[in-house]
Protein backbone atom coordinates (compact mmCIF):
# COMPACT_ATOMS: atom_id res chain seq x y z
CA MET A 1 32.72 14.28 -79.47
CA ASN A 2 32.67 13.18 -75.85
CA PRO A 3 34.48 15.98 -73.94
CA ARG A 4 35.49 13.66 -71.10
CA ILE A 5 37.25 11.24 -73.50
CA GLN A 6 38.93 14.14 -75.29
CA GLN A 7 40.16 15.38 -71.92
CA LEU A 8 41.62 11.94 -71.08
CA ILE A 9 43.34 11.63 -74.47
CA ASN A 10 44.83 15.12 -74.13
CA ALA A 11 46.06 14.40 -70.60
CA GLY A 12 48.28 11.45 -71.56
CA GLU A 13 49.11 8.51 -69.32
CA SER A 14 49.71 9.36 -65.69
CA ARG A 15 49.10 8.10 -62.19
CA ARG A 16 45.33 8.39 -62.85
CA VAL A 17 45.11 7.68 -66.60
CA GLU A 18 46.01 4.41 -68.36
CA TYR A 19 45.72 3.40 -72.04
CA LYS A 20 45.53 -0.22 -73.19
CA THR A 21 45.50 -1.43 -76.80
CA ALA A 22 42.94 -4.21 -76.29
CA GLN A 23 41.22 -4.72 -79.63
CA SER A 24 39.29 -7.97 -79.34
CA ASP A 25 40.03 -9.23 -75.80
CA LEU A 26 40.61 -7.71 -72.38
CA ASN A 27 44.28 -7.23 -71.48
CA ASN A 28 45.74 -9.71 -68.99
CA ASP A 29 46.97 -6.88 -66.78
CA LEU A 30 43.74 -4.83 -66.91
CA PHE A 31 42.60 -6.00 -63.49
CA GLU A 32 46.00 -5.34 -61.93
CA THR A 33 45.60 -1.71 -63.03
CA ILE A 34 42.07 -1.61 -61.61
CA CYS A 35 43.38 -3.02 -58.32
CA ALA A 36 46.15 -0.40 -58.21
CA PHE A 37 43.69 2.43 -58.97
CA LEU A 38 41.33 1.21 -56.24
CA ASN A 39 44.18 1.13 -53.74
CA ARG A 40 45.60 4.53 -54.64
CA ASP A 41 43.72 7.56 -56.07
CA GLY A 42 41.37 6.02 -58.61
CA GLY A 43 41.61 6.77 -62.31
CA ASP A 44 40.38 6.21 -65.85
CA ILE A 45 41.28 3.39 -68.25
CA LEU A 46 40.78 3.62 -72.02
CA LEU A 47 40.81 0.35 -73.96
CA GLY A 48 41.65 0.80 -77.64
CA ALA A 49 44.38 3.43 -77.23
CA ARG A 50 48.16 3.10 -77.56
CA ASP A 51 50.59 4.34 -74.92
CA ASP A 52 51.11 7.58 -76.90
CA GLY A 53 47.36 8.31 -76.89
CA THR A 54 46.68 7.23 -80.47
CA ALA A 55 43.12 5.89 -80.64
CA VAL A 56 43.17 2.64 -82.62
CA GLY A 57 39.82 1.42 -81.31
CA VAL A 58 38.46 -1.98 -80.37
CA ASP A 59 36.80 -4.38 -82.77
CA PRO A 60 33.10 -3.32 -82.92
CA ASN A 61 32.11 -6.99 -83.24
CA SER A 62 33.89 -7.76 -79.93
CA VAL A 63 32.51 -4.87 -77.87
CA GLU A 64 29.53 -6.65 -76.30
CA ARG A 65 31.52 -9.78 -75.50
CA MET A 66 34.32 -7.72 -73.94
CA LYS A 67 31.81 -5.80 -71.83
CA GLN A 68 30.23 -9.05 -70.66
CA ASP A 69 33.66 -10.55 -69.87
CA PHE A 70 34.47 -7.43 -67.86
CA ALA A 71 31.22 -7.62 -65.86
CA ASN A 72 31.76 -11.30 -65.07
CA THR A 73 35.37 -10.83 -64.01
CA ILE A 74 35.03 -7.66 -61.93
CA ASN A 75 32.34 -9.35 -59.82
CA ASN A 76 34.49 -12.44 -59.26
CA PRO A 77 36.09 -12.36 -55.77
CA THR A 78 38.88 -14.68 -56.93
CA LYS A 79 39.96 -11.91 -59.34
CA ILE A 80 39.36 -8.73 -57.27
CA ASN A 81 38.81 -9.03 -53.53
CA PRO A 82 36.97 -7.38 -51.86
CA PRO A 83 34.78 -7.27 -54.98
CA CYS A 84 34.11 -3.90 -56.55
CA TYR A 85 31.30 -3.07 -58.90
CA LEU A 86 32.43 -1.04 -61.90
CA GLY A 87 30.86 -0.30 -65.24
CA ILE A 88 32.47 -0.28 -68.67
CA GLU A 89 31.16 2.07 -71.35
CA ASP A 90 31.67 2.04 -75.11
CA VAL A 91 32.24 5.50 -76.62
CA GLU A 92 32.93 6.79 -80.13
CA TYR A 93 36.09 8.82 -80.67
CA GLU A 94 37.47 9.97 -84.03
CA GLY A 95 35.64 7.24 -85.92
CA VAL A 96 36.65 4.32 -83.67
CA THR A 97 35.11 2.64 -80.62
CA LEU A 98 36.86 2.87 -77.26
CA LEU A 99 35.96 1.21 -73.97
CA HIS A 100 36.11 3.46 -70.91
CA VAL A 101 36.37 2.31 -67.29
CA THR A 102 36.18 4.82 -64.42
CA VAL A 103 37.77 3.42 -61.25
CA PRO A 104 37.10 5.27 -57.99
CA PRO A 105 39.52 5.16 -55.07
CA SER A 106 38.28 2.64 -52.51
CA SER A 107 38.12 2.80 -48.73
CA GLN A 108 39.42 -0.79 -48.62
CA VAL A 109 42.69 -2.41 -49.70
CA HIS A 110 42.02 -4.71 -52.67
CA ARG A 111 43.88 -7.75 -54.04
CA CYS A 112 44.05 -8.99 -57.60
CA ARG A 113 44.58 -12.78 -57.76
CA ASN A 114 45.56 -12.54 -54.08
CA ARG A 115 48.28 -9.94 -54.79
CA ILE A 116 48.20 -6.29 -53.65
CA PHE A 117 48.99 -3.69 -56.33
CA ASP A 118 49.73 0.01 -55.90
CA ARG A 119 50.08 2.81 -58.44
CA ASN A 120 52.71 5.44 -59.16
CA GLU A 121 53.70 7.54 -62.19
CA ASP A 122 55.46 4.55 -63.77
CA GLY A 123 52.47 2.21 -63.59
CA ASP A 124 51.29 -0.64 -61.37
CA PHE A 125 53.56 -2.48 -58.96
CA ASP A 126 53.11 -5.49 -56.69
CA ILE A 127 53.70 -4.58 -53.03
CA THR A 128 52.35 -7.80 -51.46
CA ASP A 129 55.67 -8.83 -49.95
CA ASN A 130 56.62 -5.34 -48.73
CA GLN A 131 55.04 -5.22 -45.29
CA ALA A 132 55.86 -1.54 -44.73
CA LEU A 133 54.13 -0.42 -47.95
CA VAL A 134 51.11 -2.63 -47.27
CA ALA A 135 50.78 -1.24 -43.73
CA GLN A 136 51.01 2.32 -45.11
CA LEU A 137 48.22 1.55 -47.54
CA TYR A 138 45.92 0.28 -44.79
CA ILE A 139 46.73 3.23 -42.52
CA GLY A 140 46.04 5.71 -45.33
CA LYS A 141 42.64 4.18 -46.07
CA GLN A 142 41.57 4.25 -42.43
CA SER A 143 42.63 7.86 -41.89
CA HIS A 144 41.07 9.22 -45.11
CA TYR A 145 37.67 7.53 -45.05
CA THR A 146 35.91 8.28 -41.78
CA GLU A 147 33.37 5.51 -42.45
CA ASN A 148 36.25 3.13 -41.64
CA THR A 149 36.64 4.47 -38.08
CA ILE A 150 36.74 1.41 -35.83
CA TYR A 151 34.75 1.15 -32.57
CA PRO A 152 36.41 -1.80 -30.80
CA TYR A 153 33.86 -1.86 -27.95
CA ALA A 154 30.83 -2.05 -30.26
CA SER A 155 29.41 -5.57 -30.37
CA MET A 156 26.74 -7.52 -32.24
CA ALA A 157 24.35 -6.60 -29.41
CA ASP A 158 24.64 -2.94 -30.50
CA LEU A 159 23.42 -3.79 -33.99
CA ASN A 160 19.86 -4.55 -35.05
CA PRO A 161 19.58 -8.14 -36.37
CA ASP A 162 16.29 -7.29 -38.10
CA LEU A 163 18.09 -4.72 -40.25
CA ILE A 164 20.79 -7.21 -41.20
CA GLU A 165 18.13 -9.78 -42.12
CA ARG A 166 16.31 -7.15 -44.17
CA ALA A 167 19.50 -6.35 -46.08
CA ARG A 168 20.09 -10.06 -46.69
CA LYS A 169 16.55 -10.52 -48.09
CA LEU A 170 16.83 -7.42 -50.27
CA ALA A 171 20.17 -8.60 -51.67
CA VAL A 172 18.80 -12.07 -52.48
CA GLY A 173 15.67 -10.52 -53.98
CA HIS A 174 17.85 -8.30 -56.15
CA GLN A 175 20.20 -11.16 -57.12
CA PRO A 176 18.79 -14.66 -56.36
CA ASN A 177 22.20 -16.33 -55.94
CA HIS A 178 23.65 -13.54 -53.83
CA PRO A 179 26.33 -14.90 -51.44
CA TRP A 180 24.81 -13.03 -48.47
CA GLY A 181 21.94 -15.52 -48.57
CA GLY A 182 24.12 -18.25 -47.07
CA LEU A 183 26.14 -16.17 -44.57
CA ASP A 184 25.55 -15.68 -40.86
CA ASP A 185 25.27 -12.08 -39.64
CA LEU A 186 28.89 -11.60 -38.56
CA THR A 187 30.33 -13.18 -41.72
CA LEU A 188 28.02 -11.00 -43.83
CA LEU A 189 29.25 -7.86 -42.07
CA LYS A 190 32.88 -8.90 -42.50
CA SER A 191 32.33 -9.66 -46.21
CA ALA A 192 30.94 -6.13 -46.63
CA GLN A 193 34.09 -4.71 -44.96
CA LEU A 194 32.02 -3.41 -42.04
CA TRP A 195 34.34 -5.14 -39.57
CA GLN A 196 38.00 -4.18 -39.97
CA ARG A 197 41.40 -4.17 -38.33
CA ASP A 198 43.44 -1.02 -37.65
CA TYR A 199 47.07 -1.84 -38.45
CA LEU A 200 48.38 1.32 -36.80
CA GLN A 201 46.81 0.92 -33.35
CA ASP A 202 46.31 -2.85 -33.54
CA LYS A 203 42.59 -2.76 -32.85
CA SER A 204 39.68 -4.35 -34.65
CA GLY A 205 35.91 -4.13 -34.63
CA PHE A 206 32.83 -2.73 -36.29
CA THR A 207 33.20 0.44 -38.31
CA LEU A 208 31.22 3.67 -38.35
CA ALA A 209 29.63 2.44 -41.59
CA ALA A 210 28.35 -0.70 -39.82
CA ILE A 211 26.85 1.37 -37.00
CA LEU A 212 25.17 3.83 -39.37
CA LEU A 213 23.71 1.06 -41.52
CA PHE A 214 22.66 -1.48 -38.91
CA GLY A 215 23.10 0.09 -35.47
CA GLN A 216 20.48 0.53 -32.79
CA ASP A 217 19.41 4.19 -32.55
CA SER A 218 21.04 4.49 -29.12
CA ILE A 219 24.53 3.58 -30.36
CA ILE A 220 24.19 5.75 -33.49
CA LEU A 221 23.40 8.82 -31.39
CA SER A 222 26.09 7.90 -28.87
CA VAL A 223 28.73 7.74 -31.61
CA LEU A 224 27.36 10.72 -33.60
CA PRO A 225 25.18 12.92 -31.34
CA HIS A 226 24.63 15.37 -34.22
CA HIS A 227 23.33 12.69 -36.61
CA ARG A 228 20.14 13.99 -38.26
CA THR A 229 18.39 14.32 -41.58
CA ASP A 230 15.73 17.03 -41.66
CA ALA A 231 12.86 16.54 -44.17
CA ILE A 232 10.93 19.80 -44.52
CA LEU A 233 7.92 20.99 -46.54
CA ARG A 234 7.75 24.78 -47.05
CA ARG A 235 4.98 25.86 -49.39
CA VAL A 236 2.73 28.07 -47.27
CA LYS A 237 4.67 28.70 -44.06
CA VAL A 238 7.97 29.47 -45.78
CA ASP A 239 9.51 30.97 -42.62
CA ARG A 240 8.86 27.73 -40.69
CA TYR A 241 7.35 24.62 -42.28
CA ASP A 242 4.08 22.96 -43.28
CA ASP A 243 5.32 19.44 -42.55
CA ARG A 244 8.51 17.99 -41.12
CA ASP A 245 10.19 14.69 -40.31
CA ASP A 246 13.21 14.89 -37.97
CA ILE A 247 15.07 11.66 -38.83
CA ARG A 248 17.70 10.34 -36.40
CA THR A 249 17.98 6.64 -37.15
CA ASN A 250 19.86 4.06 -39.23
CA LEU A 251 20.38 4.61 -42.95
CA LEU A 252 17.94 1.92 -44.11
CA ASP A 253 15.02 3.37 -42.15
CA SER A 254 16.18 6.90 -42.99
CA ARG A 255 15.87 6.08 -46.66
CA ASP A 256 12.34 4.72 -46.18
CA ARG A 257 11.18 7.82 -44.31
CA LEU A 258 12.71 10.26 -46.80
CA LEU A 259 11.16 8.36 -49.69
CA ALA A 260 7.74 8.38 -48.00
CA PHE A 261 8.05 12.12 -47.31
CA GLY A 262 8.87 12.86 -50.96
CA GLU A 263 6.06 10.64 -52.26
CA LYS A 264 3.62 12.36 -49.90
CA HIS A 265 4.36 15.87 -51.11
CA LEU A 266 5.50 15.61 -54.75
CA ASP A 267 3.38 14.91 -57.83
CA ASP A 268 4.16 11.95 -60.08
CA PRO A 269 3.22 12.95 -63.66
CA PHE A 270 2.35 10.30 -66.24
CA HIS A 271 5.44 9.38 -68.30
CA LEU A 272 6.15 6.64 -70.84
CA GLU A 273 9.58 5.27 -71.67
CA ASP A 274 9.79 2.58 -74.36
CA ASP A 275 5.99 2.13 -74.10
CA GLN A 276 6.28 1.46 -70.36
CA ARG A 277 5.04 3.83 -67.69
CA ILE A 278 7.78 4.80 -65.25
CA SER A 279 7.69 6.90 -62.11
CA LEU A 280 9.81 10.01 -62.69
CA ARG A 281 9.25 11.02 -59.09
CA GLY A 282 10.45 7.60 -57.90
CA ILE A 283 13.64 7.70 -59.99
CA ILE A 284 14.52 11.25 -58.92
CA LEU A 285 13.83 10.57 -55.23
CA ARG A 286 15.87 7.36 -55.39
CA GLU A 287 18.92 9.22 -56.73
CA VAL A 288 18.58 12.33 -54.57
CA ILE A 289 18.00 10.41 -51.33
CA GLY A 290 20.71 7.89 -52.20
CA ASN A 291 23.21 10.70 -52.71
CA LEU A 292 22.13 12.40 -49.48
CA LEU A 293 22.75 9.22 -47.45
CA ILE A 294 25.62 7.53 -49.30
CA HIS A 295 27.97 10.43 -50.02
CA ARG A 296 27.62 12.47 -46.83
CA GLU A 297 30.56 13.22 -44.55
CA TYR A 298 29.00 11.97 -41.33
CA THR A 299 31.63 13.38 -38.98
CA GLN A 300 30.55 16.92 -39.88
CA ALA A 301 27.94 18.40 -37.56
CA PHE A 302 26.23 20.23 -40.43
CA PRO A 303 22.59 18.99 -40.42
CA ALA A 304 21.52 17.33 -43.66
CA LYS A 305 18.33 18.73 -45.22
CA PHE A 306 15.77 17.56 -47.75
CA VAL A 307 13.50 20.52 -48.49
CA ILE A 308 10.43 20.71 -50.73
CA GLY A 309 9.55 24.35 -51.36
CA LYS A 310 7.00 26.30 -53.36
CA ASP A 311 8.85 25.95 -56.63
CA ARG A 312 12.00 23.98 -55.93
CA ILE A 313 13.46 20.94 -54.19
CA PHE A 314 16.89 21.16 -52.60
CA THR A 315 19.17 19.12 -50.38
CA GLU A 316 22.26 20.04 -48.39
CA ASN A 317 24.73 17.78 -46.59
CA GLY A 318 28.18 17.91 -45.10
CA ASN A 319 30.78 16.84 -47.63
CA ARG A 320 34.43 16.06 -48.15
CA PRO A 321 34.76 17.63 -51.60
CA HIS A 322 36.70 16.19 -54.49
CA GLY A 323 36.81 19.39 -56.52
CA HIS A 324 34.69 22.52 -56.13
CA GLY A 325 31.84 24.14 -58.00
CA ALA A 326 28.94 23.05 -60.19
CA ILE A 327 29.09 19.50 -61.58
CA ASP A 328 29.11 19.20 -65.38
CA PRO A 329 27.69 15.76 -66.31
CA ASN A 330 29.83 15.71 -69.48
CA LEU A 331 33.09 16.15 -67.53
CA PHE A 332 32.04 14.54 -64.26
CA SER A 333 34.48 12.06 -62.73
CA PRO A 334 32.63 10.07 -60.02
CA TYR A 335 34.28 9.79 -56.62
CA PRO A 336 32.93 7.70 -53.73
CA LYS A 337 32.72 9.40 -50.34
CA ASN A 338 31.68 6.27 -48.39
CA PRO A 339 32.46 3.20 -50.54
CA ALA A 340 31.42 0.66 -47.90
CA ILE A 341 28.01 2.27 -47.41
CA ALA A 342 27.66 2.65 -51.19
CA ARG A 343 28.43 -1.03 -51.66
CA VAL A 344 25.69 -2.13 -49.25
CA PHE A 345 23.17 0.11 -51.03
CA LYS A 346 24.23 -1.36 -54.36
CA GLU A 347 24.04 -4.94 -53.10
CA ILE A 348 20.45 -4.48 -51.95
CA GLY A 349 19.41 -2.77 -55.19
CA TRP A 350 19.10 0.77 -53.85
CA ALA A 351 21.96 2.23 -55.90
CA ASP A 352 23.61 1.58 -59.25
CA GLU A 353 27.17 1.88 -60.42
CA LEU A 354 29.10 4.98 -59.39
CA GLY A 355 28.30 8.00 -61.58
CA SER A 356 25.03 6.68 -62.98
CA GLY A 357 23.02 8.71 -60.46
CA VAL A 358 24.23 12.02 -61.88
CA ARG A 359 23.40 10.92 -65.42
CA ASN A 360 19.96 9.71 -64.33
CA LEU A 361 19.22 13.00 -62.58
CA PHE A 362 20.05 15.13 -65.62
CA HIS A 363 18.03 12.82 -67.88
CA TYR A 364 14.90 12.39 -65.77
CA CYS A 365 14.74 15.84 -64.16
CA ARG A 366 14.27 17.37 -67.62
CA ALA A 367 11.39 14.98 -68.26
CA TYR A 368 9.89 15.70 -64.83
CA CYS A 369 9.89 19.50 -64.83
CA GLY A 370 11.71 20.78 -67.91
CA HIS A 371 14.78 21.91 -65.94
CA ASP A 372 18.28 20.58 -65.36
CA PRO A 373 19.23 19.98 -61.74
CA GLU A 374 22.06 21.93 -60.15
CA LEU A 375 24.64 19.93 -58.19
CA VAL A 376 27.37 21.92 -56.46
CA GLU A 377 30.40 20.29 -54.84
CA ASN A 378 31.83 22.21 -51.88
CA ASP A 379 32.29 21.63 -48.14
CA VAL A 380 28.51 21.47 -48.20
CA PHE A 381 27.15 19.50 -51.15
CA ARG A 382 23.99 21.02 -52.63
CA PHE A 383 21.36 19.65 -55.02
CA GLU A 384 18.62 21.90 -56.36
CA LEU A 385 15.82 21.38 -58.85
CA PRO A 386 13.20 23.97 -59.90
CA VAL A 387 9.84 22.23 -60.07
CA SER A 388 7.90 25.06 -61.68
CA GLN A 389 7.17 24.63 -65.39
CA ALA A 390 7.54 28.36 -65.94
CA SER A 391 10.80 29.18 -67.70
CA GLU A 392 13.20 31.57 -66.08
CA LYS A 393 13.64 35.03 -67.57
CA THR A 394 16.86 36.18 -69.14
CA SER A 395 17.67 38.24 -66.07
CA GLY A 396 18.68 34.92 -64.50
CA THR A 397 16.56 35.36 -61.40
CA GLY A 398 13.32 33.66 -62.49
CA SER A 399 9.77 34.22 -61.23
CA GLY A 400 9.73 37.69 -62.86
CA ILE A 401 12.00 39.20 -60.18
CA THR A 402 14.71 41.53 -61.48
CA SER A 403 18.37 41.32 -60.50
CA GLU A 404 18.08 44.60 -58.60
CA GLU A 405 15.10 43.32 -56.61
CA THR A 406 16.97 40.11 -55.81
CA SER A 407 20.00 42.06 -54.56
CA GLU A 408 17.88 44.23 -52.26
CA LYS A 409 16.04 41.22 -50.88
CA ILE A 410 19.39 39.49 -50.20
CA ILE A 411 20.59 42.51 -48.22
CA GLU A 412 17.32 42.63 -46.29
CA LEU A 413 17.56 38.93 -45.40
CA ILE A 414 21.20 39.25 -44.30
CA ARG A 415 20.33 42.19 -42.05
CA LYS A 416 17.75 39.97 -40.33
CA ASN A 417 19.95 36.85 -40.15
CA GLY A 418 23.66 36.84 -40.96
CA ASN A 419 23.74 33.04 -40.73
CA ILE A 420 21.23 32.52 -43.54
CA THR A 421 22.32 30.11 -46.30
CA ILE A 422 22.10 30.66 -50.05
CA PRO A 423 19.36 27.99 -50.53
CA GLU A 424 17.36 29.60 -47.71
CA MET A 425 17.67 33.00 -49.44
CA ALA A 426 16.57 31.43 -52.72
CA GLU A 427 13.58 29.81 -51.01
CA LYS A 428 12.43 33.06 -49.38
CA ILE A 429 12.98 35.22 -52.47
CA GLY A 430 11.53 32.70 -54.92
CA VAL A 431 14.54 32.40 -57.25
CA SER A 432 17.23 29.79 -57.91
CA SER A 433 20.32 29.38 -55.75
CA ARG A 434 22.40 30.13 -58.85
CA ALA A 435 20.62 33.50 -59.18
CA VAL A 436 21.31 34.29 -55.52
CA ASP A 437 24.95 33.20 -55.89
CA LYS A 438 25.34 35.50 -58.90
CA GLN A 439 23.91 38.53 -57.10
CA ILE A 440 25.97 37.84 -53.98
CA GLY A 441 29.09 37.92 -56.15
CA LYS A 442 28.07 41.33 -57.45
CA LEU A 443 27.25 42.62 -53.97
CA LYS A 444 30.60 41.44 -52.61
CA LYS A 445 32.45 42.97 -55.55
CA GLY A 446 30.56 46.24 -55.03
CA GLY A 447 31.53 46.30 -51.37
CA ARG A 448 27.95 46.07 -50.09
CA ILE A 449 28.28 42.74 -48.21
CA LYS A 450 31.09 40.52 -47.00
CA ARG A 451 31.55 37.03 -45.59
CA GLU A 452 33.11 36.64 -42.15
CA GLY A 453 34.61 33.29 -41.15
CA PRO A 454 34.39 30.06 -43.19
CA GLN A 455 32.64 30.09 -46.56
CA THR A 456 30.34 27.27 -45.46
CA PHE A 457 28.92 26.52 -42.01
CA GLY A 458 30.44 28.49 -39.15
CA GLY A 459 30.66 31.73 -41.14
CA LYS A 460 28.18 34.60 -41.45
CA TRP A 461 27.20 37.39 -43.81
CA LYS A 462 27.50 41.06 -42.94
CA VAL A 463 26.03 44.13 -44.68
CA ILE A 464 28.69 46.83 -45.11
CA GLN A 465 26.48 49.56 -46.53
């Protein structure tokens, strides 16, 4: 049984959960609910369930047609505008088929059939004619999503027209009839919600997302002086690096350079899927780099890292967390951190629907190295993947190092550098971050170390005894 669906059935209908009894056709009000979820806090919709949570299912013979109808409608700007790109998944539950739609909150205000819908505990309601509620909605979006920050003095001259043209060509190559193919640069940027109006301060202009995607390097570093992605190879010189690329440029070129760095230093083992050879390295790098660039909180000064070590790959980036702790792919509820940036990546074929990246990572990482990845959601988001084929020992530390040895090495490293991070400890010791985390918990409980200041960047470790 799918634990995520069981969780949604047990939860009952609420502000973020909606049941609809569609059995052979999509409900007329389905897209109003999607619009309301996009405008508020996101949510999950189950088709084939009554209001009381009873699963009656959808007609199995209608599933594929309903999924196709959904895909056609959700991409239609006359139905949902700005368009959003959602998936619909058929799942089995208690002997019947349900259709599941996960709707993330959006950084834009959306309309369904040119009407604005919002969500509360009682359901969806039309607020189009209530100017105060509409203004509140816009203000809330602009204050929550920092990618929407408007720079009214930024002009087209501050953007790189070659990058915009590249995005246009990639979009048309990905989808031959893509509307961007017939738009001028400014109209394209406006259609991607990269030019907005602030209804609180009555200003308009290009957003932070526009500058990060298409800006000249000078304006990017003027707006975000700390902007950097550090690509590092540490296999021999683990205290410094064997190779490095200090990347301080737009997101399109950043992606190219990170991909080239990964391809340069990682093997690509032969792998067949459905009698076709696929690049496991390419799929994993695509998802890891996409996550590093799309879901970062760019206003945080924490430097993003992509590190290839002796026996592991890890990334770290500043984050605005939606939940805390390790991500379970079976219970994972996707949440966009920068929907406008994510949309551009999806339009040009560099990202898929929200949530698919996590599923791809767990599927293809096992094929690549025999290990599951570790994704941890906190103020700093962390991805880690062991790339050694050797299995970890039951002590939980791996590489033949005992728990006691790991603890002593942690204390030694903290004595040398109280600002050291958990992934850096793991890299130097030669164990997983999870193993280090586990031993740190024991050391803190035993009163041997403590954390001073914030739990993430800005804090430091201290040895007590």
